[in-house]
Amino acid sequence: MAEKITIGKWEVPKSLYEKYLKARIISDTILNSKTPTPSDGAEHENYGRALGWKWATELMMAVHREICAYLGLQYSEDSKDEFYVAFLEQVRKDARLGE
């Protein structure tokens, strides 16, 4: 049986949760990065950053959909959705975002 993590009243596969968490950290790091990427100029730097952020964000959404499907929940990013609120709270705690 796969290892699970408890989020609110739900048991989420730990492997999916960790995949989401890593993508979130990558996304936020790229978005908040002040360090220039190696490039020939600012235009390429912004393009590379945008592609990286887009990739990480799309991965987060795909994994979130997988988790919802596993739990039998409708996919939602609504700030009033009970699972989504609990899920984001756990992600923020584990990623220590904003510190």
N, C-alpha and C. Protein backbone atom coordinates (compact mmCIF):
# COMPACT_ATOMS: atom_id res chain seq x y z
N MET A 1 0.85 -1.19 0.00
CA MET A 1 0.00 0.00 0.00
C MET A 1 0.89 1.25 0.00
N ALA A 2 0.52 2.20 -0.80
CA ALA A 2 1.30 3.44 -0.92
C ALA A 2 1.19 4.27 0.35
N GLU A 3 2.27 4.95 0.65
CA GLU A 3 2.29 5.83 1.81
C GLU A 3 1.39 7.04 1.54
N LYS A 4 0.72 7.49 2.59
CA LYS A 4 -0.22 8.61 2.45
C LYS A 4 0.10 9.69 3.47
N ILE A 5 -0.40 10.89 3.16
CA ILE A 5 -0.28 12.03 4.06
C ILE A 5 -1.70 12.51 4.34
N THR A 6 -1.96 12.86 5.60
CA THR A 6 -3.28 13.34 5.97
C THR A 6 -3.35 14.85 5.77
N ILE A 7 -4.36 15.26 5.00
CA ILE A 7 -4.62 16.69 4.78
C ILE A 7 -6.08 16.90 5.12
N GLY A 8 -6.31 17.58 6.24
CA GLY A 8 -7.68 17.73 6.72
C GLY A 8 -8.25 16.35 7.00
N LYS A 9 -9.36 16.02 6.36
CA LYS A 9 -9.98 14.72 6.56
C LYS A 9 -9.66 13.74 5.43
N TRP A 10 -8.72 14.11 4.55
CA TRP A 10 -8.39 13.30 3.39
C TRP A 10 -7.03 12.65 3.52
N GLU A 11 -6.90 11.47 2.93
CA GLU A 11 -5.64 10.74 2.86
C GLU A 11 -5.13 10.84 1.41
N VAL A 12 -4.07 11.59 1.21
CA VAL A 12 -3.52 11.86 -0.12
C VAL A 12 -2.25 11.02 -0.30
N PRO A 13 -2.07 10.39 -1.47
CA PRO A 13 -0.82 9.66 -1.71
C PRO A 13 0.38 10.60 -1.54
N LYS A 14 1.31 10.18 -0.72
CA LYS A 14 2.47 11.02 -0.41
C LYS A 14 3.27 11.35 -1.67
N SER A 15 3.39 10.40 -2.59
CA SER A 15 4.17 10.64 -3.81
C SER A 15 3.55 11.77 -4.64
N LEU A 16 2.23 11.81 -4.75
CA LEU A 16 1.57 12.89 -5.49
C LEU A 16 1.72 14.22 -4.76
N TYR A 17 1.55 14.19 -3.45
CA TYR A 17 1.69 15.42 -2.66
C TYR A 17 3.10 15.99 -2.82
N GLU A 18 4.10 15.14 -2.72
CA GLU A 18 5.49 15.61 -2.82
C GLU A 18 5.79 16.13 -4.23
N LYS A 19 5.20 15.51 -5.24
CA LYS A 19 5.38 16.00 -6.61
C LYS A 19 4.78 17.40 -6.75
N TYR A 20 3.60 17.60 -6.19
CA TYR A 20 2.97 18.92 -6.22
C TYR A 20 3.83 19.94 -5.46
N LEU A 21 4.28 19.56 -4.28
CA LEU A 21 5.08 20.46 -3.44
C LEU A 21 6.36 20.90 -4.15
N LYS A 22 7.04 19.98 -4.80
CA LYS A 22 8.27 20.32 -5.53
C LYS A 22 7.97 21.29 -6.67
N ALA A 23 6.90 21.02 -7.41
CA ALA A 23 6.53 21.92 -8.51
C ALA A 23 6.19 23.30 -7.98
N ARG A 24 5.53 23.37 -6.83
CA ARG A 24 5.16 24.65 -6.23
C ARG A 24 6.41 25.44 -5.83
N ILE A 25 7.37 24.75 -5.24
CA ILE A 25 8.61 25.40 -4.83
C ILE A 25 9.37 25.92 -6.06
N ILE A 26 9.43 25.11 -7.12
CA ILE A 26 10.09 25.54 -8.35
C ILE A 26 9.38 26.75 -8.93
N SER A 27 8.06 26.68 -9.02
CA SER A 27 7.27 27.78 -9.56
C SER A 27 7.50 29.08 -8.79
N ASP A 28 7.43 29.01 -7.48
CA ASP A 28 7.61 30.21 -6.67
C ASP A 28 9.04 30.72 -6.72
N THR A 29 10.01 29.82 -6.80
CA THR A 29 11.41 30.23 -6.89
C THR A 29 11.65 30.99 -8.19
N ILE A 30 11.12 30.46 -9.29
CA ILE A 30 11.28 31.12 -10.58
C ILE A 30 10.58 32.48 -10.57
N LEU A 31 9.36 32.49 -10.06
CA LEU A 31 8.57 33.72 -10.04
C LEU A 31 9.24 34.81 -9.21
N ASN A 32 9.83 34.42 -8.09
CA ASN A 32 10.40 35.40 -7.16
C ASN A 32 11.90 35.62 -7.36
N SER A 33 12.49 34.94 -8.32
CA SER A 33 13.93 34.99 -8.51
C SER A 33 14.41 36.38 -8.94
N LYS A 34 15.47 36.82 -8.30
CA LYS A 34 16.11 38.08 -8.67
C LYS A 34 17.43 37.80 -9.40
N THR A 35 17.82 36.52 -9.41
CA THR A 35 19.08 36.14 -10.04
C THR A 35 18.89 35.97 -11.54
N PRO A 36 19.69 36.67 -12.35
CA PRO A 36 19.55 36.52 -13.79
C PRO A 36 19.94 35.12 -14.24
N THR A 37 19.29 34.65 -15.28
CA THR A 37 19.64 33.37 -15.87
C THR A 37 20.68 33.62 -16.96
N PRO A 38 21.56 32.65 -17.23
CA PRO A 38 22.54 32.84 -18.29
C PRO A 38 21.82 33.04 -19.63
N SER A 39 22.11 34.12 -20.28
CA SER A 39 21.47 34.40 -21.56
C SER A 39 22.25 35.48 -22.31
N ASP A 40 21.81 35.73 -23.51
CA ASP A 40 22.43 36.78 -24.33
C ASP A 40 21.84 38.14 -24.03
N GLY A 41 20.72 38.17 -23.34
CA GLY A 41 20.08 39.44 -23.05
C GLY A 41 18.82 39.24 -22.23
N ALA A 42 18.28 40.34 -21.78
CA ALA A 42 17.11 40.31 -20.90
C ALA A 42 15.91 39.64 -21.55
N GLU A 43 15.75 39.81 -22.86
CA GLU A 43 14.60 39.20 -23.53
C GLU A 43 14.62 37.68 -23.38
N HIS A 44 15.79 37.06 -23.58
CA HIS A 44 15.92 35.62 -23.44
C HIS A 44 15.74 35.20 -21.98
N GLU A 45 16.27 36.00 -21.09
CA GLU A 45 16.15 35.71 -19.66
C GLU A 45 14.69 35.64 -19.26
N ASN A 46 13.91 36.62 -19.67
CA ASN A 46 12.49 36.63 -19.32
C ASN A 46 11.75 35.47 -19.97
N TYR A 47 12.12 35.13 -21.20
CA TYR A 47 11.48 34.03 -21.92
C TYR A 47 11.74 32.71 -21.20
N GLY A 48 12.99 32.47 -20.81
CA GLY A 48 13.35 31.25 -20.09
C GLY A 48 12.64 31.15 -18.76
N ARG A 49 12.59 32.24 -18.05
CA ARG A 49 11.90 32.27 -16.77
C ARG A 49 10.40 31.99 -16.95
N ALA A 50 9.82 32.60 -17.97
CA ALA A 50 8.39 32.42 -18.23
C ALA A 50 8.09 30.96 -18.58
N LEU A 51 8.94 30.34 -19.40
CA LEU A 51 8.72 28.94 -19.76
C LEU A 51 8.86 28.02 -18.55
N GLY A 52 9.85 28.27 -17.71
CA GLY A 52 10.03 27.47 -16.50
C GLY A 52 8.85 27.59 -15.56
N TRP A 53 8.38 28.82 -15.38
CA TRP A 53 7.24 29.05 -14.49
C TRP A 53 5.99 28.38 -15.06
N LYS A 54 5.79 28.50 -16.37
CA LYS A 54 4.62 27.89 -17.02
C LYS A 54 4.66 26.38 -16.86
N TRP A 55 5.81 25.77 -17.07
CA TRP A 55 5.96 24.32 -16.92
C TRP A 55 5.62 23.89 -15.49
N ALA A 56 6.18 24.57 -14.50
CA ALA A 56 5.95 24.21 -13.11
C ALA A 56 4.48 24.40 -12.73
N THR A 57 3.88 25.47 -13.20
CA THR A 57 2.47 25.75 -12.89
C THR A 57 1.56 24.71 -13.53
N GLU A 58 1.84 24.34 -14.76
CA GLU A 58 1.03 23.31 -15.43
C GLU A 58 1.19 21.96 -14.73
N LEU A 59 2.39 21.66 -14.26
CA LEU A 59 2.61 20.42 -13.51
C LEU A 59 1.80 20.43 -12.21
N MET A 60 1.80 21.57 -11.52
CA MET A 60 1.01 21.68 -10.28
C MET A 60 -0.46 21.40 -10.56
N MET A 61 -1.00 22.00 -11.61
CA MET A 61 -2.41 21.80 -11.94
C MET A 61 -2.70 20.35 -12.29
N ALA A 62 -1.81 19.72 -13.05
CA ALA A 62 -2.00 18.32 -13.43
C ALA A 62 -1.98 17.40 -12.21
N VAL A 63 -1.04 17.64 -11.30
CA VAL A 63 -0.95 16.81 -10.09
C VAL A 63 -2.16 17.06 -9.19
N HIS A 64 -2.58 18.31 -9.08
CA HIS A 64 -3.77 18.63 -8.29
C HIS A 64 -4.98 17.89 -8.84
N ARG A 65 -5.10 17.84 -10.16
CA ARG A 65 -6.20 17.09 -10.80
C ARG A 65 -6.10 15.59 -10.47
N GLU A 66 -4.88 15.05 -10.50
CA GLU A 66 -4.67 13.63 -10.15
C GLU A 66 -5.11 13.36 -8.71
N ILE A 67 -4.74 14.25 -7.82
CA ILE A 67 -5.09 14.09 -6.41
C ILE A 67 -6.61 14.13 -6.25
N CYS A 68 -7.25 15.10 -6.87
CA CYS A 68 -8.72 15.20 -6.79
C CYS A 68 -9.38 13.95 -7.35
N ALA A 69 -8.88 13.45 -8.48
CA ALA A 69 -9.45 12.23 -9.08
C ALA A 69 -9.28 11.05 -8.12
N TYR A 70 -8.11 10.94 -7.52
CA TYR A 70 -7.84 9.86 -6.57
C TYR A 70 -8.83 9.90 -5.40
N LEU A 71 -9.11 11.11 -4.92
CA LEU A 71 -10.02 11.28 -3.78
C LEU A 71 -11.50 11.26 -4.18
N GLY A 72 -11.76 11.29 -5.46
CA GLY A 72 -13.15 11.32 -5.93
C GLY A 72 -13.79 12.69 -5.76
N LEU A 73 -12.95 13.73 -5.79
CA LEU A 73 -13.42 15.10 -5.64
C LEU A 73 -13.39 15.80 -6.98
N GLN A 74 -14.26 16.76 -7.14
CA GLN A 74 -14.22 17.59 -8.34
C GLN A 74 -13.05 18.55 -8.20
N TYR A 75 -12.28 18.73 -9.27
CA TYR A 75 -11.15 19.66 -9.26
C TYR A 75 -11.66 21.06 -8.99
N SER A 76 -11.01 21.74 -8.05
CA SER A 76 -11.41 23.10 -7.73
C SER A 76 -10.22 23.88 -7.19
N GLU A 77 -10.17 25.15 -7.56
CA GLU A 77 -9.21 26.09 -6.99
C GLU A 77 -9.98 27.23 -6.32
N ASP A 78 -11.19 26.91 -5.90
CA ASP A 78 -12.06 27.89 -5.25
C ASP A 78 -11.60 28.10 -3.81
N SER A 79 -11.49 29.35 -3.41
CA SER A 79 -11.03 29.68 -2.05
C SER A 79 -12.02 29.23 -0.98
N LYS A 80 -13.19 28.74 -1.38
CA LYS A 80 -14.18 28.24 -0.42
C LYS A 80 -14.26 26.71 -0.43
N ASP A 81 -13.47 26.07 -1.31
CA ASP A 81 -13.46 24.61 -1.39
C ASP A 81 -12.70 24.04 -0.19
N GLU A 82 -13.35 23.18 0.57
CA GLU A 82 -12.78 22.67 1.82
C GLU A 82 -11.45 21.95 1.60
N PHE A 83 -11.38 21.08 0.60
CA PHE A 83 -10.14 20.37 0.34
C PHE A 83 -9.05 21.32 -0.13
N TYR A 84 -9.36 22.20 -1.07
CA TYR A 84 -8.36 23.11 -1.63
C TYR A 84 -7.76 24.00 -0.54
N VAL A 85 -8.58 24.49 0.35
CA VAL A 85 -8.09 25.34 1.45
C VAL A 85 -7.15 24.54 2.34
N ALA A 86 -7.54 23.34 2.73
CA ALA A 86 -6.70 22.49 3.59
C ALA A 86 -5.41 22.10 2.85
N PHE A 87 -5.53 21.81 1.57
CA PHE A 87 -4.39 21.42 0.76
C PHE A 87 -3.36 22.55 0.68
N LEU A 88 -3.82 23.75 0.35
CA LEU A 88 -2.90 24.89 0.26
C LEU A 88 -2.27 25.24 1.60
N GLU A 89 -3.02 25.11 2.66
CA GLU A 89 -2.48 25.36 4.00
C GLU A 89 -1.32 24.40 4.29
N GLN A 90 -1.51 23.12 3.95
CA GLN A 90 -0.46 22.13 4.17
C GLN A 90 0.75 22.41 3.29
N VAL A 91 0.51 22.78 2.04
CA VAL A 91 1.62 23.09 1.11
C VAL A 91 2.41 24.28 1.64
N ARG A 92 1.74 25.32 2.05
CA ARG A 92 2.44 26.51 2.59
C ARG A 92 3.27 26.15 3.82
N LYS A 93 2.71 25.33 4.67
CA LYS A 93 3.41 24.91 5.88
C LYS A 93 4.67 24.12 5.52
N ASP A 94 4.53 23.15 4.62
CA ASP A 94 5.64 22.28 4.28
C ASP A 94 6.70 22.97 3.43
N ALA A 95 6.29 23.90 2.58
CA ALA A 95 7.25 24.60 1.73
C ALA A 95 7.84 25.82 2.43
N ARG A 96 7.21 26.23 3.53
CA ARG A 96 7.63 27.41 4.26
C ARG A 96 7.73 28.60 3.33
N LEU A 97 6.69 28.76 2.52
CA LEU A 97 6.66 29.82 1.53
C LEU A 97 6.46 31.16 2.21
N GLY A 98 7.12 32.16 1.70
CA GLY A 98 6.97 33.50 2.24
C GLY A 98 7.85 33.81 3.43
N GLU A 99 8.72 32.88 3.78
CA GLU A 99 9.61 33.15 4.92
C GLU A 99 10.94 33.68 4.45
